[in-house]
Amino acid sequence: MMMMVVVVATVVMVVVVVVVIIVIVIMITVVVMVIVIMVVIVVMVIMVVVMVVVVILVVVVIIIMVVTMVMLVVMLIVVVMVMVRRRRRRKDGRRRWGNGGRKWDSVHWET
């Protein structure tokens, strides 16, 4: 009778130890999976944030390029207009002499 109790107790202890080990392994795997999932989620969020920042930077660079191109075109138009104005006034005979456009005032005729 004592041997049966000892055998049953030993079997119960072995079963309990095996069940506890299985539960601990399952808990460890669940914790590891949760940690891995959290890390993956954090990495995805960081990638999304980096993508948004890169898109914003690209848009800002494109806007800056467009603004500089527009400013260059405006400056070119202004320079061309100034050159055309200067050329027209020089053909007139004005602007070359500093006496209000009267060409021959600087020549003193002898009387």
PDB file of N, CA and C in Angstrom:
ATOM      1  N   MET A   1       0.832  -1.204   0.000  1.00  0.00           N
ATOM      2  CA  MET A   1       0.000   0.000   0.000  1.00  0.00           C
ATOM      3  C   MET A   1       0.863   1.249   0.000  1.00  0.00           C
ATOM      4  N   MET A   2       1.931   1.235   0.779  1.00  0.00           N
ATOM      5  CA  MET A   2       2.809   2.406   0.823  1.00  0.00           C
ATOM      6  C   MET A   2       3.486   2.613  -0.525  1.00  0.00           C
ATOM      7  N   MET A   3       3.827   1.508  -1.186  1.00  0.00           N
ATOM      8  CA  MET A   3       4.492   1.628  -2.478  1.00  0.00           C
ATOM      9  C   MET A   3       3.569   2.266  -3.505  1.00  0.00           C
ATOM     10  N   MET A   4       2.291   1.961  -3.452  1.00  0.00           N
ATOM     11  CA  MET A   4       1.329   2.562  -4.378  1.00  0.00           C
ATOM     12  C   MET A   4       1.227   4.059  -4.146  1.00  0.00           C
ATOM     13  N   VAL A   5       1.200   4.464  -2.892  1.00  0.00           N
ATOM     14  CA  VAL A   5       1.123   5.896  -2.569  1.00  0.00           C
ATOM     15  C   VAL A   5       2.365   6.602  -3.067  1.00  0.00           C
ATOM     16  N   VAL A   6       3.525   5.964  -2.862  1.00  0.00           N
ATOM     17  CA  VAL A   6       4.779   6.582  -3.312  1.00  0.00           C
ATOM     18  C   VAL A   6       4.796   6.679  -4.836  1.00  0.00           C
ATOM     19  N   VAL A   7       4.338   5.652  -5.519  1.00  0.00           N
ATOM     20  CA  VAL A   7       4.327   5.672  -6.991  1.00  0.00           C
ATOM     21  C   VAL A   7       3.361   6.729  -7.489  1.00  0.00           C
ATOM     22  N   VAL A   8       2.165   6.796  -6.893  1.00  0.00           N
ATOM     23  CA  VAL A   8       1.175   7.798  -7.314  1.00  0.00           C
ATOM     24  C   VAL A   8       1.691   9.199  -7.042  1.00  0.00           C
ATOM     25  N   ALA A   9       2.299   9.390  -5.876  1.00  0.00           N
ATOM     26  CA  ALA A   9       2.840  10.712  -5.546  1.00  0.00           C
ATOM     27  C   ALA A   9       3.956  11.087  -6.514  1.00  0.00           C
ATOM     28  N   THR A  10       4.800  10.143  -6.862  1.00  0.00           N
ATOM     29  CA  THR A  10       5.888  10.423  -7.801  1.00  0.00           C
ATOM     30  C   THR A  10       5.336  10.762  -9.178  1.00  0.00           C
ATOM     31  N   VAL A  11       4.343  10.024  -9.621  1.00  0.00           N
ATOM     32  CA  VAL A  11       3.738  10.303 -10.935  1.00  0.00           C
ATOM     33  C   VAL A  11       3.080  11.672 -10.929  1.00  0.00           C
ATOM     34  N   VAL A  12       2.358  11.978  -9.847  1.00  0.00           N
ATOM     35  CA  VAL A  12       1.705  13.294  -9.750  1.00  0.00           C
ATOM     36  C   VAL A  12       2.750  14.400  -9.756  1.00  0.00           C
ATOM     37  N   MET A  13       3.852  14.212  -9.020  1.00  0.00           N
ATOM     38  CA  MET A  13       4.906  15.230  -8.980  1.00  0.00           C
ATOM     39  C   MET A  13       5.523  15.414 -10.367  1.00  0.00           C
ATOM     40  N   VAL A  14       5.769  14.292 -11.055  1.00  0.00           N
ATOM     41  CA  VAL A  14       6.359  14.395 -12.401  1.00  0.00           C
ATOM     42  C   VAL A  14       5.403  15.114 -13.342  1.00  0.00           C
ATOM     43  N   VAL A  15       4.112  14.775 -13.271  1.00  0.00           N
ATOM     44  CA  VAL A  15       3.120  15.429 -14.132  1.00  0.00           C
ATOM     45  C   VAL A  15       3.042  16.911 -13.814  1.00  0.00           C
ATOM     46  N   VAL A  16       3.035  17.250 -12.518  1.00  0.00           N
ATOM     47  CA  VAL A  16       2.965  18.663 -12.127  1.00  0.00           C
ATOM     48  C   VAL A  16       4.200  19.411 -12.622  1.00  0.00           C
ATOM     49  N   VAL A  17       5.379  18.799 -12.464  1.00  0.00           N
ATOM     50  CA  VAL A  17       6.611  19.459 -12.918  1.00  0.00           C
ATOM     51  C   VAL A  17       6.584  19.649 -14.430  1.00  0.00           C
ATOM     52  N   VAL A  18       6.138  18.620 -15.157  1.00  0.00           N
ATOM     53  CA  VAL A  18       6.071  18.736 -16.620  1.00  0.00           C
ATOM     54  C   VAL A  18       5.077  19.815 -17.029  1.00  0.00           C
ATOM     55  N   VAL A  19       3.920  19.852 -16.366  1.00  0.00           N
ATOM     56  CA  VAL A  19       2.916  20.873 -16.691  1.00  0.00           C
ATOM     57  C   VAL A  19       3.453  22.262 -16.379  1.00  0.00           C
ATOM     58  N   VAL A  20       4.133  22.399 -15.234  1.00  0.00           N
ATOM     59  CA  VAL A  20       4.697  23.705 -14.871  1.00  0.00           C
ATOM     60  C   VAL A  20       5.755  24.132 -15.883  1.00  0.00           C
ATOM     61  N   ILE A  21       6.597  23.184 -16.306  1.00  0.00           N
ATOM     62  CA  ILE A  21       7.624  23.517 -17.300  1.00  0.00           C
ATOM     63  C   ILE A  21       6.975  23.921 -18.624  1.00  0.00           C
ATOM     64  N   ILE A  22       5.929  23.201 -19.031  1.00  0.00           N
ATOM     65  CA  ILE A  22       5.233  23.547 -20.279  1.00  0.00           C
ATOM     66  C   ILE A  22       4.597  24.928 -20.175  1.00  0.00           C
ATOM     67  N   VAL A  23       3.962  25.203 -19.029  1.00  0.00           N
ATOM     68  CA  VAL A  23       3.336  26.519 -18.839  1.00  0.00           C
ATOM     69  C   VAL A  23       4.388  27.619 -18.862  1.00  0.00           C
ATOM     70  N   ILE A  24       5.536  27.380 -18.218  1.00  0.00           N
ATOM     71  CA  ILE A  24       6.602  28.392 -18.201  1.00  0.00           C
ATOM     72  C   ILE A  24       7.125  28.623 -19.617  1.00  0.00           C
ATOM     73  N   VAL A  25       7.300  27.544 -20.381  1.00  0.00           N
ATOM     74  CA  VAL A  25       7.776  27.689 -21.765  1.00  0.00           C
ATOM     75  C   VAL A  25       6.758  28.457 -22.601  1.00  0.00           C
ATOM     76  N   ILE A  26       5.474  28.131 -22.415  1.00  0.00           N
ATOM     77  CA  ILE A  26       4.429  28.844 -23.164  1.00  0.00           C
ATOM     78  C   ILE A  26       4.413  30.322 -22.782  1.00  0.00           C
ATOM     79  N   MET A  27       4.531  30.609 -21.483  1.00  0.00           N
ATOM     80  CA  MET A  27       4.557  32.008 -21.040  1.00  0.00           C
ATOM     81  C   MET A  27       5.761  32.738 -21.630  1.00  0.00           C
ATOM     82  N   ILE A  28       6.916  32.071 -21.631  1.00  0.00           N
ATOM     83  CA  ILE A  28       8.116  32.720 -22.175  1.00  0.00           C
ATOM     84  C   ILE A  28       7.936  32.993 -23.667  1.00  0.00           C
ATOM     85  N   THR A  29       7.375  32.030 -24.391  1.00  0.00           N
ATOM     86  CA  THR A  29       7.166  32.255 -25.826  1.00  0.00           C
ATOM     87  C   THR A  29       6.151  33.370 -26.068  1.00  0.00           C
ATOM     88  N   VAL A  30       5.100  33.414 -25.242  1.00  0.00           N
ATOM     89  CA  VAL A  30       4.110  34.490 -25.391  1.00  0.00           C
ATOM     90  C   VAL A  30       4.753  35.843 -25.115  1.00  0.00           C
ATOM     91  N   VAL A  31       5.554  35.918 -24.044  1.00  0.00           N
ATOM     92  CA  VAL A  31       6.215  37.187 -23.720  1.00  0.00           C
ATOM     93  C   VAL A  31       7.168  37.589 -24.838  1.00  0.00           C
ATOM     94  N   VAL A  32       7.922  36.622 -25.357  1.00  0.00           N
ATOM     95  CA  VAL A  32       8.853  36.926 -26.453  1.00  0.00           C
ATOM     96  C   VAL A  32       8.090  37.379 -27.693  1.00  0.00           C
ATOM     97  N   MET A  33       6.978  36.723 -27.980  1.00  0.00           N
ATOM     98  CA  MET A  33       6.194  37.131 -29.149  1.00  0.00           C
ATOM     99  C   MET A  33       5.612  38.522 -28.961  1.00  0.00           C
ATOM    100  N   VAL A  34       5.136  38.818 -27.748  1.00  0.00           N
ATOM    101  CA  VAL A  34       4.606  40.159 -27.485  1.00  0.00           C
ATOM    102  C   VAL A  34       5.711  41.200 -27.639  1.00  0.00           C
ATOM    103  N   ILE A  35       6.902  40.890 -27.123  1.00  0.00           N
ATOM    104  CA  ILE A  35       8.021  41.834 -27.249  1.00  0.00           C
ATOM    105  C   ILE A  35       8.381  42.025 -28.719  1.00  0.00           C
ATOM    106  N   VAL A  36       8.405  40.931 -29.477  1.00  0.00           N
ATOM    107  CA  VAL A  36       8.732  41.031 -30.904  1.00  0.00           C
ATOM    108  C   VAL A  36       7.674  41.846 -31.639  1.00  0.00           C
ATOM    109  N   ILE A  37       6.400  41.618 -31.304  1.00  0.00           N
ATOM    110  CA  ILE A  37       5.326  42.376 -31.950  1.00  0.00           C
ATOM    111  C   ILE A  37       5.437  43.858 -31.605  1.00  0.00           C
ATOM    112  N   MET A  38       5.738  44.163 -30.335  1.00  0.00           N
ATOM    113  CA  MET A  38       5.908  45.569 -29.944  1.00  0.00           C
ATOM    114  C   MET A  38       7.073  46.203 -30.700  1.00  0.00           C
ATOM    115  N   VAL A  39       8.177  45.474 -30.815  1.00  0.00           N
ATOM    116  CA  VAL A  39       9.338  46.017 -31.535  1.00  0.00           C
ATOM    117  C   VAL A  39       8.989  46.245 -33.002  1.00  0.00           C
ATOM    118  N   VAL A  40       8.255  45.305 -33.591  1.00  0.00           N
ATOM    119  CA  VAL A  40       7.862  45.467 -34.995  1.00  0.00           C
ATOM    120  C   VAL A  40       6.947  46.672 -35.156  1.00  0.00           C
ATOM    121  N   ILE A  41       6.005  46.845 -34.215  1.00  0.00           N
ATOM    122  CA  ILE A  41       5.101  47.997 -34.284  1.00  0.00           C
ATOM    123  C   ILE A  41       5.887  49.296 -34.135  1.00  0.00           C
ATOM    124  N   VAL A  42       6.836  49.325 -33.192  1.00  0.00           N
ATOM    125  CA  VAL A  42       7.642  50.536 -33.000  1.00  0.00           C
ATOM    126  C   VAL A  42       8.462  50.829 -34.252  1.00  0.00           C
ATOM    127  N   VAL A  43       9.036  49.784 -34.852  1.00  0.00           N
ATOM    128  CA  VAL A  43       9.829  49.984 -36.072  1.00  0.00           C
ATOM    129  C   VAL A  43       8.943  50.483 -37.211  1.00  0.00           C
ATOM    130  N   MET A  44       7.743  49.952 -37.319  1.00  0.00           N
ATOM    131  CA  MET A  44       6.822  50.417 -38.364  1.00  0.00           C
ATOM    132  C   MET A  44       6.449  51.878 -38.146  1.00  0.00           C
ATOM    133  N   VAL A  45       6.169  52.241 -36.886  1.00  0.00           N
ATOM    134  CA  VAL A  45       5.826  53.638 -36.597  1.00  0.00           C
ATOM    135  C   VAL A  45       7.003  54.547 -36.928  1.00  0.00           C
ATOM    136  N   ILE A  46       8.220  54.114 -36.566  1.00  0.00           N
ATOM    137  CA  ILE A  46       9.403  54.930 -36.863  1.00  0.00           C
ATOM    138  C   ILE A  46       9.575  55.056 -38.375  1.00  0.00           C
ATOM    139  N   MET A  47       9.344  53.974 -39.113  1.00  0.00           N
ATOM    140  CA  MET A  47       9.463  54.044 -40.574  1.00  0.00           C
ATOM    141  C   MET A  47       8.419  54.975 -41.168  1.00  0.00           C
ATOM    142  N   VAL A  48       7.194  54.927 -40.647  1.00  0.00           N
ATOM    143  CA  VAL A  48       6.150  55.824 -41.151  1.00  0.00           C
ATOM    144  C   VAL A  48       6.529  57.272 -40.870  1.00  0.00           C
ATOM    145  N   VAL A  49       7.034  57.539 -39.660  1.00  0.00           N
ATOM    146  CA  VAL A  49       7.437  58.908 -39.324  1.00  0.00           C
ATOM    147  C   VAL A  49       8.575  59.363 -40.234  1.00  0.00           C
ATOM    148  N   VAL A  50       9.542  58.476 -40.471  1.00  0.00           N
ATOM    149  CA  VAL A  50      10.664  58.834 -41.347  1.00  0.00           C
ATOM    150  C   VAL A  50      10.168  59.089 -42.770  1.00  0.00           C
ATOM    151  N   MET A  51       9.239  58.277 -43.239  1.00  0.00           N
ATOM    152  CA  MET A  51       8.691  58.490 -44.585  1.00  0.00           C
ATOM    153  C   MET A  51       7.972  59.834 -44.671  1.00  0.00           C
ATOM    154  N   VAL A  52       7.183  60.157 -43.641  1.00  0.00           N
ATOM    155  CA  VAL A  52       6.473  61.438 -43.648  1.00  0.00           C
ATOM    156  C   VAL A  52       7.470  62.590 -43.646  1.00  0.00           C
ATOM    157  N   VAL A  53       8.523  62.479 -42.826  1.00  0.00           N
ATOM    158  CA  VAL A  53       9.526  63.547 -42.773  1.00  0.00           C
ATOM    159  C   VAL A  53      10.233  63.677 -44.120  1.00  0.00           C
ATOM    160  N   VAL A  54      10.544  62.550 -44.753  1.00  0.00           N
ATOM    161  CA  VAL A  54      11.216  62.603 -46.060  1.00  0.00           C
ATOM    162  C   VAL A  54      10.303  63.230 -47.104  1.00  0.00           C
ATOM    163  N   VAL A  55       9.024  62.876 -47.082  1.00  0.00           N
ATOM    164  CA  VAL A  55       8.083  63.464 -48.042  1.00  0.00           C
ATOM    165  C   VAL A  55       7.968  64.964 -47.818  1.00  0.00           C
ATOM    166  N   ILE A  56       7.894  65.397 -46.541  1.00  0.00           N
ATOM    167  CA  ILE A  56       7.803  66.829 -46.240  1.00  0.00           C
ATOM    168  C   ILE A  56       9.062  67.545 -46.720  1.00  0.00           C
ATOM    169  N   LEU A  57      10.232  66.942 -46.492  1.00  0.00           N
ATOM    170  CA  LEU A  57      11.479  67.569 -46.941  1.00  0.00           C
ATOM    171  C   LEU A  57      11.529  67.658 -48.463  1.00  0.00           C
ATOM    172  N   VAL A  58      11.082  66.612 -49.144  1.00  0.00           N
ATOM    173  CA  VAL A  58      11.081  66.653 -50.611  1.00  0.00           C
ATOM    174  C   VAL A  58      10.144  67.739 -51.116  1.00  0.00           C
ATOM    175  N   VAL A  59       8.971  67.863 -50.499  1.00  0.00           N
ATOM    176  CA  VAL A  59       8.025  68.910 -50.905  1.00  0.00           C
ATOM    177  C   VAL A  59       8.624  70.286 -50.660  1.00  0.00           C
ATOM    178  N   VAL A  60       9.293  70.468 -49.513  1.00  0.00           N
ATOM    179  CA  VAL A  60       9.910  71.769 -49.215  1.00  0.00           C
ATOM    180  C   VAL A  60      11.008  72.075 -50.227  1.00  0.00           C
ATOM    181  N   VAL A  61      11.820  71.081 -50.571  1.00  0.00           N
ATOM    182  CA  VAL A  61      12.895  71.306 -51.554  1.00  0.00           C
ATOM    183  C   VAL A  61      12.306  71.643 -52.919  1.00  0.00           C
ATOM    184  N   ILE A  62      11.226  70.966 -53.306  1.00  0.00           N
ATOM    185  CA  ILE A  62      10.592  71.260 -54.596  1.00  0.00           C
ATOM    186  C   ILE A  62      10.024  72.672 -54.585  1.00  0.00           C
ATOM    187  N   ILE A  63       9.394  73.077 -53.467  1.00  0.00           N
ATOM    188  CA  ILE A  63       8.850  74.438 -53.369  1.00  0.00           C
ATOM    189  C   ILE A  63       9.975  75.456 -53.463  1.00  0.00           C
ATOM    190  N   ILE A  64      11.096  75.192 -52.770  1.00  0.00           N
ATOM    191  CA  ILE A  64      12.222  76.127 -52.818  1.00  0.00           C
ATOM    192  C   ILE A  64      12.771  76.213 -54.242  1.00  0.00           C
ATOM    193  N   MET A  65      12.871  75.075 -54.940  1.00  0.00           N
ATOM    194  CA  MET A  65      13.362  75.100 -56.318  1.00  0.00           C
ATOM    195  C   MET A  65      12.421  75.884 -57.222  1.00  0.00           C
ATOM    196  N   VAL A  66      11.108  75.684 -57.062  1.00  0.00           N
ATOM    197  CA  VAL A  66      10.150  76.414 -57.896  1.00  0.00           C
ATOM    198  C   VAL A  66      10.245  77.907 -57.623  1.00  0.00           C
ATOM    199  N   VAL A  67      10.357  78.283 -56.337  1.00  0.00           N
ATOM    200  CA  VAL A  67      10.445  79.708 -55.991  1.00  0.00           C
ATOM    201  C   VAL A  67      11.712  80.313 -56.572  1.00  0.00           C
ATOM    202  N   THR A  68      12.837  79.602 -56.472  1.00  0.00           N
ATOM    203  CA  THR A  68      14.076  80.147 -57.032  1.00  0.00           C
ATOM    204  C   THR A  68      13.992  80.247 -58.549  1.00  0.00           C
ATOM    205  N   MET A  69      13.371  79.275 -59.199  1.00  0.00           N
ATOM    206  CA  MET A  69      13.223  79.365 -60.656  1.00  0.00           C
ATOM    207  C   MET A  69      12.352  80.558 -61.036  1.00  0.00           C
ATOM    208  N   VAL A  70      11.254  80.760 -60.304  1.00  0.00           N
ATOM    209  CA  VAL A  70      10.386  81.907 -60.595  1.00  0.00           C
ATOM    210  C   VAL A  70      11.142  83.206 -60.374  1.00  0.00           C
ATOM    211  N   MET A  71      11.929  83.276 -59.275  1.00  0.00           N
ATOM    212  CA  MET A  71      12.697  84.498 -59.019  1.00  0.00           C
ATOM    213  C   MET A  71      13.737  84.724 -60.111  1.00  0.00           C
ATOM    214  N   LEU A  72      14.386  83.644 -60.571  1.00  0.00           N
ATOM    215  CA  LEU A  72      15.367  83.796 -61.653  1.00  0.00           C
ATOM    216  C   LEU A  72      14.695  84.277 -62.935  1.00  0.00           C
ATOM    217  N   VAL A  73      13.529  83.723 -63.259  1.00  0.00           N
ATOM    218  CA  VAL A  73      12.822  84.152 -64.469  1.00  0.00           C
ATOM    219  C   VAL A  73      12.410  85.612 -64.350  1.00  0.00           C
ATOM    220  N   VAL A  74      11.910  86.013 -63.169  1.00  0.00           N
ATOM    221  CA  VAL A  74      11.512  87.411 -62.972  1.00  0.00           C
ATOM    222  C   VAL A  74      12.722  88.325 -63.097  1.00  0.00           C
ATOM    223  N   MET A  75      13.861  87.925 -62.487  1.00  0.00           N
ATOM    224  CA  MET A  75      15.065  88.752 -62.596  1.00  0.00           C
ATOM    225  C   MET A  75      15.527  88.844 -64.044  1.00  0.00           C
ATOM    226  N   LEU A  76      15.434  87.738 -64.793  1.00  0.00           N
ATOM    227  CA  LEU A  76      15.824  87.755 -66.201  1.00  0.00           C
ATOM    228  C   LEU A  76      14.921  88.688 -67.002  1.00  0.00           C
ATOM    229  N   ILE A  77      13.609  88.629 -66.737  1.00  0.00           N
ATOM    230  CA  ILE A  77      12.674  89.518 -67.437  1.00  0.00           C
ATOM    231  C   ILE A  77      12.988  90.969 -67.109  1.00  0.00           C
ATOM    232  N   VAL A  78      13.266  91.260 -65.831  1.00  0.00           N
ATOM    233  CA  VAL A  78      13.581  92.641 -65.440  1.00  0.00           C
ATOM    234  C   VAL A  78      14.854  93.102 -66.130  1.00  0.00           C
ATOM    235  N   VAL A  79      15.877  92.248 -66.158  1.00  0.00           N
ATOM    236  CA  VAL A  79      17.138  92.631 -66.809  1.00  0.00           C
ATOM    237  C   VAL A  79      16.918  92.869 -68.294  1.00  0.00           C
ATOM    238  N   VAL A  80      16.139  92.005 -68.949  1.00  0.00           N
ATOM    239  CA  VAL A  80      15.875  92.192 -70.382  1.00  0.00           C
ATOM    240  C   VAL A  80      15.111  93.482 -70.620  1.00  0.00           C
ATOM    241  N   MET A  81      14.124  93.774 -69.752  1.00  0.00           N
ATOM    242  CA  MET A  81      13.363  95.018 -69.929  1.00  0.00           C
ATOM    243  C   MET A  81      14.253  96.235 -69.735  1.00  0.00           C
ATOM    244  N   VAL A  82      15.138  96.179 -68.734  1.00  0.00           N
ATOM    245  CA  VAL A  82      16.042  97.314 -68.512  1.00  0.00           C
ATOM    246  C   VAL A  82      16.976  97.485 -69.697  1.00  0.00           C
ATOM    247  N   MET A  83      17.498  96.387 -70.231  1.00  0.00           N
ATOM    248  CA  MET A  83      18.391  96.490 -71.391  1.00  0.00           C
ATOM    249  C   MET A  83      17.640  97.060 -72.593  1.00  0.00           C
ATOM    250  N   VAL A  84      16.391  96.605 -72.813  1.00  0.00           N
ATOM    251  CA  VAL A  84      15.615  97.120 -73.953  1.00  0.00           C
ATOM    252  C   VAL A  84      15.348  98.599 -73.771  1.00  0.00           C
ATOM    253  N   ARG A  85      15.010  99.036 -72.568  1.00  0.00           N
ATOM    254  CA  ARG A  85      14.778 100.463 -72.322  1.00  0.00           C
ATOM    255  C   ARG A  85      16.033 101.274 -72.574  1.00  0.00           C
ATOM    256  N   ARG A  86      17.162 100.796 -72.073  1.00  0.00           N
ATOM    257  CA  ARG A  86      18.411 101.531 -72.277  1.00  0.00           C
ATOM    258  C   ARG A  86      18.726 101.627 -73.764  1.00  0.00           C
ATOM    259  N   ARG A  87      18.546 100.540 -74.491  1.00  0.00           N
ATOM    260  CA  ARG A  87      18.887 100.547 -75.909  1.00  0.00           C
ATOM    261  C   ARG A  87      17.990 101.528 -76.658  1.00  0.00           C
ATOM    262  N   ARG A  88      16.682 101.555 -76.347  1.00  0.00           N
ATOM    263  CA  ARG A  88      15.768 102.484 -77.022  1.00  0.00           C
ATOM    264  C   ARG A  88      16.161 103.927 -76.742  1.00  0.00           C
ATOM    265  N   ARG A  89      16.476 104.220 -75.491  1.00  0.00           N
ATOM    266  CA  ARG A  89      16.805 105.607 -75.163  1.00  0.00           C
ATOM    267  C   ARG A  89      18.112 106.019 -75.823  1.00  0.00           C
ATOM    268  N   ARG A  90      19.040 105.098 -75.975  1.00  0.00           N
ATOM    269  CA  ARG A  90      20.308 105.459 -76.612  1.00  0.00           C
ATOM    270  C   ARG A  90      20.110 105.709 -78.099  1.00  0.00           C
ATOM    271  N   LYS A  91      19.203 104.974 -78.737  1.00  0.00           N
ATOM    272  CA  LYS A  91      18.961 105.222 -80.155  1.00  0.00           C
ATOM    273  C   LYS A  91      18.343 106.602 -80.367  1.00  0.00           C
ATOM    274  N   ASP A  92      17.592 107.054 -79.370  1.00  0.00           N
ATOM    275  CA  ASP A  92      16.977 108.373 -79.472  1.00  0.00           C
ATOM    276  C   ASP A  92      18.005 109.497 -79.504  1.00  0.00           C
ATOM    277  N   GLY A  93      19.137 109.278 -78.912  1.00  0.00           N
ATOM    278  CA  GLY A  93      20.077 110.373 -78.764  1.00  0.00           C
ATOM    279  C   GLY A  93      20.009 110.988 -77.391  1.00  0.00           C
ATOM    280  N   ARG A  94      19.045 110.605 -76.614  1.00  0.00           N
ATOM    281  CA  ARG A  94      19.009 111.067 -75.229  1.00  0.00           C
ATOM    282  C   ARG A  94      19.791 110.105 -74.368  1.00  0.00           C
ATOM    283  N   ARG A  95      19.973 110.483 -73.138  1.00  0.00           N
ATOM    284  CA  ARG A  95      20.641 109.660 -72.140  1.00  0.00           C
ATOM    285  C   ARG A  95      22.137 109.534 -72.418  1.00  0.00           C
ATOM    286  N   ARG A  96      22.602 109.945 -73.591  1.00  0.00           N
ATOM    287  CA  ARG A  96      24.024 109.836 -73.858  1.00  0.00           C
ATOM    288  C   ARG A  96      24.740 111.082 -73.335  1.00  0.00           C
ATOM    289  N   TRP A  97      24.088 112.201 -73.468  1.00  0.00           N
ATOM    290  CA  TRP A  97      24.657 113.439 -72.940  1.00  0.00           C
ATOM    291  C   TRP A  97      23.886 113.821 -71.692  1.00  0.00           C
ATOM    292  N   GLY A  98      24.566 114.354 -70.736  1.00  0.00           N
ATOM    293  CA  GLY A  98      23.925 114.628 -69.467  1.00  0.00           C
ATOM    294  C   GLY A  98      23.255 115.977 -69.384  1.00  0.00           C
ATOM    295  N   ASN A  99      22.766 116.510 -70.491  1.00  0.00           N
ATOM    296  CA  ASN A  99      22.131 117.834 -70.452  1.00  0.00           C
ATOM    297  C   ASN A  99      20.679 117.741 -70.910  1.00  0.00           C
ATOM    298  N   GLY A 100      19.965 116.757 -70.438  1.00  0.00           N
ATOM    299  CA  GLY A 100      18.527 116.682 -70.690  1.00  0.00           C
ATOM    300  C   GLY A 100      18.201 116.277 -72.105  1.00  0.00           C
ATOM    301  N   GLY A 101      19.111 115.653 -72.804  1.00  0.00           N
ATOM    302  CA  GLY A 101      18.803 115.154 -74.130  1.00  0.00           C
ATOM    303  C   GLY A 101      19.071 116.161 -75.237  1.00  0.00           C
ATOM    304  N   ARG A 102      19.449 117.389 -74.899  1.00  0.00           N
ATOM    305  CA  ARG A 102      19.779 118.349 -75.960  1.00  0.00           C
ATOM    306  C   ARG A 102      21.223 118.097 -76.369  1.00  0.00           C
ATOM    307  N   LYS A 103      21.384 117.692 -77.637  1.00  0.00           N
ATOM    308  CA  LYS A 103      22.692 117.207 -78.052  1.00  0.00           C
ATOM    309  C   LYS A 103      23.726 118.328 -78.122  1.00  0.00           C
ATOM    310  N   TRP A 104      23.342 119.403 -78.699  1.00  0.00           N
ATOM    311  CA  TRP A 104      24.356 120.351 -79.169  1.00  0.00           C
ATOM    312  C   TRP A 104      24.515 121.542 -78.243  1.00  0.00           C
ATOM    313  N   ASP A 105      24.003 121.439 -77.000  1.00  0.00           N
ATOM    314  CA  ASP A 105      24.169 122.569 -76.083  1.00  0.00           C
ATOM    315  C   ASP A 105      25.608 122.726 -75.636  1.00  0.00           C
ATOM    316  N   SER A 106      26.374 121.658 -75.705  1.00  0.00           N
ATOM    317  CA  SER A 106      27.730 121.774 -75.203  1.00  0.00           C
ATOM    318  C   SER A 106      28.638 122.467 -76.223  1.00  0.00           C
ATOM    319  N   VAL A 107      28.173 122.603 -77.468  1.00  0.00           N
ATOM    320  CA  VAL A 107      28.979 123.279 -78.499  1.00  0.00           C
ATOM    321  C   VAL A 107      28.648 124.766 -78.450  1.00  0.00           C
ATOM    322  N   HIS A 108      29.633 125.601 -78.141  1.00  0.00           N
ATOM    323  CA  HIS A 108      29.417 127.060 -78.099  1.00  0.00           C
ATOM    324  C   HIS A 108      29.772 127.628 -79.458  1.00  0.00           C
ATOM    325  N   TRP A 109      28.757 128.163 -80.112  1.00  0.00           N
ATOM    326  CA  TRP A 109      29.004 128.746 -81.429  1.00  0.00           C
ATOM    327  C   TRP A 109      29.609 130.121 -81.253  1.00  0.00           C
ATOM    328  N   GLU A 110      30.612 130.396 -82.030  1.00  0.00           N
ATOM    329  CA  GLU A 110      31.242 131.726 -81.996  1.00  0.00           C
ATOM    330  C   GLU A 110      30.402 132.678 -82.823  1.00  0.00           C
ATOM    331  N   THR A 111      30.113 133.838 -82.260  1.00  0.00           N
ATOM    332  CA  THR A 111      29.349 134.829 -83.037  1.00  0.00           C
ATOM    333  C   THR A 111      30.225 136.020 -83.277  1.00  0.00           C
TER     334      THR A 111
END
